Amino acid sequence: MPVRVTLDAVLVRRGLRAKEVAARIGVSETHLSLFRSGKVKGVRFETLAKLCDVLDCKPGDLLDFDRDARGADPD
């Protein structure tokens, strides 16, 4: 998949734990973990907005696009 989730890097830069962020945005730790690992097919804009608010970032800070990875995903 050419779109990669870079949430872990943002968490490290902010000195926050995923458990704390999940509680602050109102999602389960499991849900946030699935997003962090890139195992979800989509994310609600509402959830993305909450993440950006808590992490003081923009959506582009949480996602990256790897042009070379296009077509590499078997799905």
PDB file of N, CA and C in Angstrom:
ATOM      1  N   MET A   1       0.850  -1.179   0.000  1.00  0.00           N
ATOM      2  CA  MET A   1       0.000   0.000   0.000  1.00  0.00           C
ATOM      3  C   MET A   1       0.892   1.236   0.000  1.00  0.00           C
ATOM      4  N   PRO A   2       0.684   2.132  -0.908  1.00  0.00           N
ATOM      5  CA  PRO A   2       1.558   3.306  -0.990  1.00  0.00           C
ATOM      6  C   PRO A   2       1.332   4.339   0.111  1.00  0.00           C
ATOM      7  N   VAL A   3       0.174   4.292   0.791  1.00  0.00           N
ATOM      8  CA  VAL A   3      -0.080   5.221   1.888  1.00  0.00           C
ATOM      9  C   VAL A   3       0.354   4.551   3.187  1.00  0.00           C
ATOM     10  N   ARG A   4       1.263   5.210   3.891  1.00  0.00           N
ATOM     11  CA  ARG A   4       1.787   4.675   5.152  1.00  0.00           C
ATOM     12  C   ARG A   4       1.383   5.580   6.302  1.00  0.00           C
ATOM     13  N   VAL A   5       1.063   4.974   7.423  1.00  0.00           N
ATOM     14  CA  VAL A   5       0.708   5.715   8.632  1.00  0.00           C
ATOM     15  C   VAL A   5       1.992   5.995   9.402  1.00  0.00           C
ATOM     16  N   THR A   6       2.208   7.247   9.728  1.00  0.00           N
ATOM     17  CA  THR A   6       3.427   7.658  10.443  1.00  0.00           C
ATOM     18  C   THR A   6       3.109   8.147  11.853  1.00  0.00           C
ATOM     19  N   LEU A   7       2.003   7.673  12.393  1.00  0.00           N
ATOM     20  CA  LEU A   7       1.570   8.090  13.724  1.00  0.00           C
ATOM     21  C   LEU A   7       2.606   7.784  14.795  1.00  0.00           C
ATOM     22  N   ASP A   8       3.271   6.648  14.710  1.00  0.00           N
ATOM     23  CA  ASP A   8       4.272   6.294  15.725  1.00  0.00           C
ATOM     24  C   ASP A   8       5.364   7.353  15.830  1.00  0.00           C
ATOM     25  N   ALA A   9       5.817   7.857  14.709  1.00  0.00           N
ATOM     26  CA  ALA A   9       6.867   8.882  14.723  1.00  0.00           C
ATOM     27  C   ALA A   9       6.368  10.156  15.396  1.00  0.00           C
ATOM     28  N   VAL A  10       5.118  10.514  15.145  1.00  0.00           N
ATOM     29  CA  VAL A  10       4.548  11.718  15.771  1.00  0.00           C
ATOM     30  C   VAL A  10       4.413  11.505  17.280  1.00  0.00           C
ATOM     31  N   LEU A  11       3.993  10.321  17.683  1.00  0.00           N
ATOM     32  CA  LEU A  11       3.884  10.030  19.114  1.00  0.00           C
ATOM     33  C   LEU A  11       5.244  10.171  19.802  1.00  0.00           C
ATOM     34  N   VAL A  12       6.282   9.651  19.185  1.00  0.00           N
ATOM     35  CA  VAL A  12       7.631   9.741  19.760  1.00  0.00           C
ATOM     36  C   VAL A  12       8.063  11.198  19.870  1.00  0.00           C
ATOM     37  N   ARG A  13       7.852  11.962  18.802  1.00  0.00           N
ATOM     38  CA  ARG A  13       8.246  13.387  18.824  1.00  0.00           C
ATOM     39  C   ARG A  13       7.507  14.167  19.903  1.00  0.00           C
ATOM     40  N   ARG A  14       6.262  13.788  20.165  1.00  0.00           N
ATOM     41  CA  ARG A  14       5.453  14.499  21.168  1.00  0.00           C
ATOM     42  C   ARG A  14       5.632  13.922  22.574  1.00  0.00           C
ATOM     43  N   GLY A  15       6.313  12.800  22.674  1.00  0.00           N
ATOM     44  CA  GLY A  15       6.523  12.180  23.979  1.00  0.00           C
ATOM     45  C   GLY A  15       5.244  11.623  24.579  1.00  0.00           C
ATOM     46  N   LEU A  16       4.342  11.145  23.712  1.00  0.00           N
ATOM     47  CA  LEU A  16       3.068  10.609  24.173  1.00  0.00           C
ATOM     48  C   LEU A  16       2.991   9.104  23.948  1.00  0.00           C
ATOM     49  N   ARG A  17       2.173   8.463  24.739  1.00  0.00           N
ATOM     50  CA  ARG A  17       1.942   7.023  24.585  1.00  0.00           C
ATOM     51  C   ARG A  17       0.617   6.832  23.863  1.00  0.00           C
ATOM     52  N   ALA A  18       0.540   5.778  23.082  1.00  0.00           N
ATOM     53  CA  ALA A  18      -0.669   5.496  22.310  1.00  0.00           C
ATOM     54  C   ALA A  18      -1.880   5.329  23.231  1.00  0.00           C
ATOM     55  N   LYS A  19      -1.679   4.712  24.374  1.00  0.00           N
ATOM     56  CA  LYS A  19      -2.770   4.498  25.331  1.00  0.00           C
ATOM     57  C   LYS A  19      -3.379   5.829  25.766  1.00  0.00           C
ATOM     58  N   GLU A  20      -2.527   6.794  26.044  1.00  0.00           N
ATOM     59  CA  GLU A  20      -2.990   8.118  26.464  1.00  0.00           C
ATOM     60  C   GLU A  20      -3.750   8.814  25.336  1.00  0.00           C
ATOM     61  N   VAL A  21      -3.221   8.737  24.133  1.00  0.00           N
ATOM     62  CA  VAL A  21      -3.858   9.386  22.991  1.00  0.00           C
ATOM     63  C   VAL A  21      -5.211   8.745  22.693  1.00  0.00           C
ATOM     64  N   ALA A  22      -5.284   7.423  22.751  1.00  0.00           N
ATOM     65  CA  ALA A  22      -6.545   6.722  22.511  1.00  0.00           C
ATOM     66  C   ALA A  22      -7.611   7.203  23.498  1.00  0.00           C
ATOM     67  N   ALA A  23      -7.245   7.333  24.754  1.00  0.00           N
ATOM     68  CA  ALA A  23      -8.198   7.797  25.768  1.00  0.00           C
ATOM     69  C   ALA A  23      -8.628   9.237  25.489  1.00  0.00           C
ATOM     70  N   ARG A  24      -7.693  10.070  25.085  1.00  0.00           N
ATOM     71  CA  ARG A  24      -8.004  11.484  24.848  1.00  0.00           C
ATOM     72  C   ARG A  24      -8.885  11.702  23.626  1.00  0.00           C
ATOM     73  N   ILE A  25      -8.782  10.832  22.628  1.00  0.00           N
ATOM     74  CA  ILE A  25      -9.616  11.020  21.433  1.00  0.00           C
ATOM     75  C   ILE A  25     -10.869  10.147  21.466  1.00  0.00           C
ATOM     76  N   GLY A  26     -10.979   9.284  22.467  1.00  0.00           N
ATOM     77  CA  GLY A  26     -12.194   8.495  22.629  1.00  0.00           C
ATOM     78  C   GLY A  26     -12.302   7.273  21.738  1.00  0.00           C
ATOM     79  N   VAL A  27     -11.178   6.607  21.470  1.00  0.00           N
ATOM     80  CA  VAL A  27     -11.201   5.346  20.727  1.00  0.00           C
ATOM     81  C   VAL A  27     -10.499   4.286  21.570  1.00  0.00           C
ATOM     82  N   SER A  28     -10.750   3.044  21.243  1.00  0.00           N
ATOM     83  CA  SER A  28     -10.098   1.969  21.988  1.00  0.00           C
ATOM     84  C   SER A  28      -8.619   1.900  21.613  1.00  0.00           C
ATOM     85  N   GLU A  29      -7.839   1.337  22.501  1.00  0.00           N
ATOM     86  CA  GLU A  29      -6.415   1.136  22.204  1.00  0.00           C
ATOM     87  C   GLU A  29      -6.255   0.216  21.003  1.00  0.00           C
ATOM     88  N   THR A  30      -7.138  -0.755  20.886  1.00  0.00           N
ATOM     89  CA  THR A  30      -7.087  -1.688  19.755  1.00  0.00           C
ATOM     90  C   THR A  30      -7.310  -0.946  18.446  1.00  0.00           C
ATOM     91  N   HIS A  31      -8.295  -0.070  18.417  1.00  0.00           N
ATOM     92  CA  HIS A  31      -8.587   0.700  17.203  1.00  0.00           C
ATOM     93  C   HIS A  31      -7.380   1.552  16.813  1.00  0.00           C
ATOM     94  N   LEU A  32      -6.800   2.230  17.789  1.00  0.00           N
ATOM     95  CA  LEU A  32      -5.643   3.068  17.499  1.00  0.00           C
ATOM     96  C   LEU A  32      -4.456   2.216  17.047  1.00  0.00           C
ATOM     97  N   SER A  33      -4.289   1.057  17.647  1.00  0.00           N
ATOM     98  CA  SER A  33      -3.212   0.154  17.262  1.00  0.00           C
ATOM     99  C   SER A  33      -3.364  -0.305  15.813  1.00  0.00           C
ATOM    100  N   LEU A  34      -4.590  -0.622  15.410  1.00  0.00           N
ATOM    101  CA  LEU A  34      -4.836  -1.023  14.019  1.00  0.00           C
ATOM    102  C   LEU A  34      -4.508   0.109  13.062  1.00  0.00           C
ATOM    103  N   PHE A  35      -4.856   1.320  13.437  1.00  0.00           N
ATOM    104  CA  PHE A  35      -4.523   2.481  12.598  1.00  0.00           C
ATOM    105  C   PHE A  35      -3.010   2.669  12.529  1.00  0.00           C
ATOM    106  N   ARG A  36      -2.343   2.571  13.681  1.00  0.00           N
ATOM    107  CA  ARG A  36      -0.892   2.743  13.726  1.00  0.00           C
ATOM    108  C   ARG A  36      -0.173   1.735  12.841  1.00  0.00           C
ATOM    109  N   SER A  37      -0.699   0.519  12.778  1.00  0.00           N
ATOM    110  CA  SER A  37      -0.044  -0.531  11.999  1.00  0.00           C
ATOM    111  C   SER A  37      -0.423  -0.485  10.521  1.00  0.00           C
ATOM    112  N   GLY A  38      -1.376   0.372  10.171  1.00  0.00           N
ATOM    113  CA  GLY A  38      -1.797   0.476   8.780  1.00  0.00           C
ATOM    114  C   GLY A  38      -2.732  -0.642   8.352  1.00  0.00           C
ATOM    115  N   LYS A  39      -3.320  -1.331   9.316  1.00  0.00           N
ATOM    116  CA  LYS A  39      -4.190  -2.474   9.006  1.00  0.00           C
ATOM    117  C   LYS A  39      -5.648  -2.076   8.814  1.00  0.00           C
ATOM    118  N   VAL A  40      -5.925  -0.801   8.715  1.00  0.00           N
ATOM    119  CA  VAL A  40      -7.292  -0.347   8.452  1.00  0.00           C
ATOM    120  C   VAL A  40      -7.370   0.151   7.014  1.00  0.00           C
ATOM    121  N   LYS A  41      -8.542   0.075   6.443  1.00  0.00           N
ATOM    122  CA  LYS A  41      -8.748   0.525   5.060  1.00  0.00           C
ATOM    123  C   LYS A  41      -9.107   1.998   4.998  1.00  0.00           C
ATOM    124  N   GLY A  42      -9.473   2.566   6.134  1.00  0.00           N
ATOM    125  CA  GLY A  42      -9.865   3.965   6.156  1.00  0.00           C
ATOM    126  C   GLY A  42      -9.922   4.484   7.575  1.00  0.00           C
ATOM    127  N   VAL A  43     -10.072   5.795   7.675  1.00  0.00           N
ATOM    128  CA  VAL A  43     -10.191   6.432   8.981  1.00  0.00           C
ATOM    129  C   VAL A  43     -11.214   7.555   8.837  1.00  0.00           C
ATOM    130  N   ARG A  44     -12.058   7.710   9.832  1.00  0.00           N
ATOM    131  CA  ARG A  44     -13.047   8.785   9.802  1.00  0.00           C
ATOM    132  C   ARG A  44     -12.344  10.130   9.929  1.00  0.00           C
ATOM    133  N   PHE A  45     -12.841  11.114   9.205  1.00  0.00           N
ATOM    134  CA  PHE A  45     -12.275  12.455   9.306  1.00  0.00           C
ATOM    135  C   PHE A  45     -12.383  12.984  10.733  1.00  0.00           C
ATOM    136  N   GLU A  46     -13.449  12.619  11.426  1.00  0.00           N
ATOM    137  CA  GLU A  46     -13.635  13.044  12.808  1.00  0.00           C
ATOM    138  C   GLU A  46     -12.495  12.513  13.686  1.00  0.00           C
ATOM    139  N   THR A  47     -12.134  11.247  13.493  1.00  0.00           N
ATOM    140  CA  THR A  47     -11.038  10.648  14.258  1.00  0.00           C
ATOM    141  C   THR A  47      -9.715  11.294  13.880  1.00  0.00           C
ATOM    142  N   LEU A  48      -9.508  11.533  12.602  1.00  0.00           N
ATOM    143  CA  LEU A  48      -8.284  12.178  12.133  1.00  0.00           C
ATOM    144  C   LEU A  48      -8.175  13.587  12.721  1.00  0.00           C
ATOM    145  N   ALA A  49      -9.285  14.299  12.755  1.00  0.00           N
ATOM    146  CA  ALA A  49      -9.291  15.654  13.325  1.00  0.00           C
ATOM    147  C   ALA A  49      -8.955  15.619  14.812  1.00  0.00           C
ATOM    148  N   LYS A  50      -9.501  14.652  15.532  1.00  0.00           N
ATOM    149  CA  LYS A  50      -9.192  14.534  16.965  1.00  0.00           C
ATOM    150  C   LYS A  50      -7.718  14.228  17.180  1.00  0.00           C
ATOM    151  N   LEU A  51      -7.169  13.329  16.358  1.00  0.00           N
ATOM    152  CA  LEU A  51      -5.738  13.020  16.460  1.00  0.00           C
ATOM    153  C   LEU A  51      -4.901  14.268  16.225  1.00  0.00           C
ATOM    154  N   CYS A  52      -5.251  15.016  15.195  1.00  0.00           N
ATOM    155  CA  CYS A  52      -4.495  16.233  14.883  1.00  0.00           C
ATOM    156  C   CYS A  52      -4.595  17.253  16.010  1.00  0.00           C
ATOM    157  N   ASP A  53      -5.766  17.353  16.619  1.00  0.00           N
ATOM    158  CA  ASP A  53      -5.950  18.288  17.721  1.00  0.00           C
ATOM    159  C   ASP A  53      -5.087  17.899  18.917  1.00  0.00           C
ATOM    160  N   VAL A  54      -5.148  16.630  19.303  1.00  0.00           N
ATOM    161  CA  VAL A  54      -4.394  16.153  20.469  1.00  0.00           C
ATOM    162  C   VAL A  54      -2.886  16.213  20.210  1.00  0.00           C
ATOM    163  N   LEU A  55      -2.479  15.882  18.995  1.00  0.00           N
ATOM    164  CA  LEU A  55      -1.056  15.824  18.677  1.00  0.00           C
ATOM    165  C   LEU A  55      -0.500  17.140  18.119  1.00  0.00           C
ATOM    166  N   ASP A  56      -1.380  18.130  17.971  1.00  0.00           N
ATOM    167  CA  ASP A  56      -0.982  19.434  17.428  1.00  0.00           C
ATOM    168  C   ASP A  56      -0.233  19.262  16.109  1.00  0.00           C
ATOM    169  N   CYS A  57      -0.911  18.608  15.166  1.00  0.00           N
ATOM    170  CA  CYS A  57      -0.295  18.358  13.871  1.00  0.00           C
ATOM    171  C   CYS A  57      -1.340  18.472  12.770  1.00  0.00           C
ATOM    172  N   LYS A  58      -0.941  18.201  11.555  1.00  0.00           N
ATOM    173  CA  LYS A  58      -1.829  18.197  10.398  1.00  0.00           C
ATOM    174  C   LYS A  58      -1.955  16.764   9.896  1.00  0.00           C
ATOM    175  N   PRO A  59      -3.033  16.445   9.147  1.00  0.00           N
ATOM    176  CA  PRO A  59      -3.186  15.083   8.622  1.00  0.00           C
ATOM    177  C   PRO A  59      -1.957  14.579   7.871  1.00  0.00           C
ATOM    178  N   GLY A  60      -1.297  15.439   7.145  1.00  0.00           N
ATOM    179  CA  GLY A  60      -0.098  15.051   6.398  1.00  0.00           C
ATOM    180  C   GLY A  60       1.061  14.627   7.283  1.00  0.00           C
ATOM    181  N   ASP A  61       1.008  15.006   8.562  1.00  0.00           N
ATOM    182  CA  ASP A  61       2.041  14.570   9.499  1.00  0.00           C
ATOM    183  C   ASP A  61       1.825  13.124   9.936  1.00  0.00           C
ATOM    184  N   LEU A  62       0.590  12.625   9.759  1.00  0.00           N
ATOM    185  CA  LEU A  62       0.230  11.281  10.200  1.00  0.00           C
ATOM    186  C   LEU A  62       0.246  10.261   9.073  1.00  0.00           C
ATOM    187  N   LEU A  63       0.285  10.748   7.844  1.00  0.00           N
ATOM    188  CA  LEU A  63       0.244   9.878   6.674  1.00  0.00           C
ATOM    189  C   LEU A  63       1.356  10.250   5.704  1.00  0.00           C
ATOM    190  N   ASP A  64       1.856   9.250   5.009  1.00  0.00           N
ATOM    191  CA  ASP A  64       2.892   9.484   4.004  1.00  0.00           C
ATOM    192  C   ASP A  64       2.533   8.683   2.757  1.00  0.00           C
ATOM    193  N   PHE A  65       3.010   9.121   1.619  1.00  0.00           N
ATOM    194  CA  PHE A  65       2.744   8.444   0.354  1.00  0.00           C
ATOM    195  C   PHE A  65       4.059   8.001  -0.256  1.00  0.00           C
ATOM    196  N   ASP A  66       4.178   6.699  -0.503  1.00  0.00           N
ATOM    197  CA  ASP A  66       5.383   6.133  -1.107  1.00  0.00           C
ATOM    198  C   ASP A  66       5.050   5.727  -2.542  1.00  0.00           C
ATOM    199  N   ARG A  67       5.394   6.575  -3.467  1.00  0.00           N
ATOM    200  CA  ARG A  67       5.077   6.378  -4.877  1.00  0.00           C
ATOM    201  C   ARG A  67       5.613   5.042  -5.397  1.00  0.00           C
ATOM    202  N   ASP A  68       6.740   4.604  -4.900  1.00  0.00           N
ATOM    203  CA  ASP A  68       7.357   3.353  -5.371  1.00  0.00           C
ATOM    204  C   ASP A  68       6.601   2.114  -4.896  1.00  0.00           C
ATOM    205  N   ALA A  69       5.747   2.235  -3.874  1.00  0.00           N
ATOM    206  CA  ALA A  69       5.039   1.093  -3.318  1.00  0.00           C
ATOM    207  C   ALA A  69       3.707   0.830  -4.023  1.00  0.00           C
ATOM    208  N   ARG A  70       3.357   1.635  -4.999  1.00  0.00           N
ATOM    209  CA  ARG A  70       2.075   1.431  -5.715  1.00  0.00           C
ATOM    210  C   ARG A  70       2.062   0.040  -6.327  1.00  0.00           C
ATOM    211  N   GLY A  71       0.939  -0.614  -6.181  1.00  0.00           N
ATOM    212  CA  GLY A  71       0.779  -1.932  -6.777  1.00  0.00           C
ATOM    213  C   GLY A  71       1.421  -3.054  -5.996  1.00  0.00           C
ATOM    214  N   ALA A  72       2.105  -2.741  -4.922  1.00  0.00           N
ATOM    215  CA  ALA A  72       2.782  -3.762  -4.125  1.00  0.00           C
ATOM    216  C   ALA A  72       1.817  -4.502  -3.217  1.00  0.00           C
ATOM    217  N   ASP A  73       0.657  -3.903  -2.954  1.00  0.00           N
ATOM    218  CA  ASP A  73      -0.337  -4.525  -2.074  1.00  0.00           C
ATOM    219  C   ASP A  73      -1.180  -5.510  -2.849  1.00  0.00           C
ATOM    220  N   PRO A  74      -1.290  -6.765  -2.386  1.00  0.00           N
ATOM    221  CA  PRO A  74      -2.040  -7.777  -3.136  1.00  0.00           C
ATOM    222  C   PRO A  74      -3.546  -7.573  -3.090  1.00  0.00           C
ATOM    223  N   ASP A  75      -4.070  -6.714  -2.190  1.00  0.00           N
ATOM    224  CA  ASP A  75      -5.530  -6.493  -2.093  1.00  0.00           C
ATOM    225  C   ASP A  75      -6.000  -5.708  -3.241  1.00  0.00           C
TER     226      ASP A  75
END
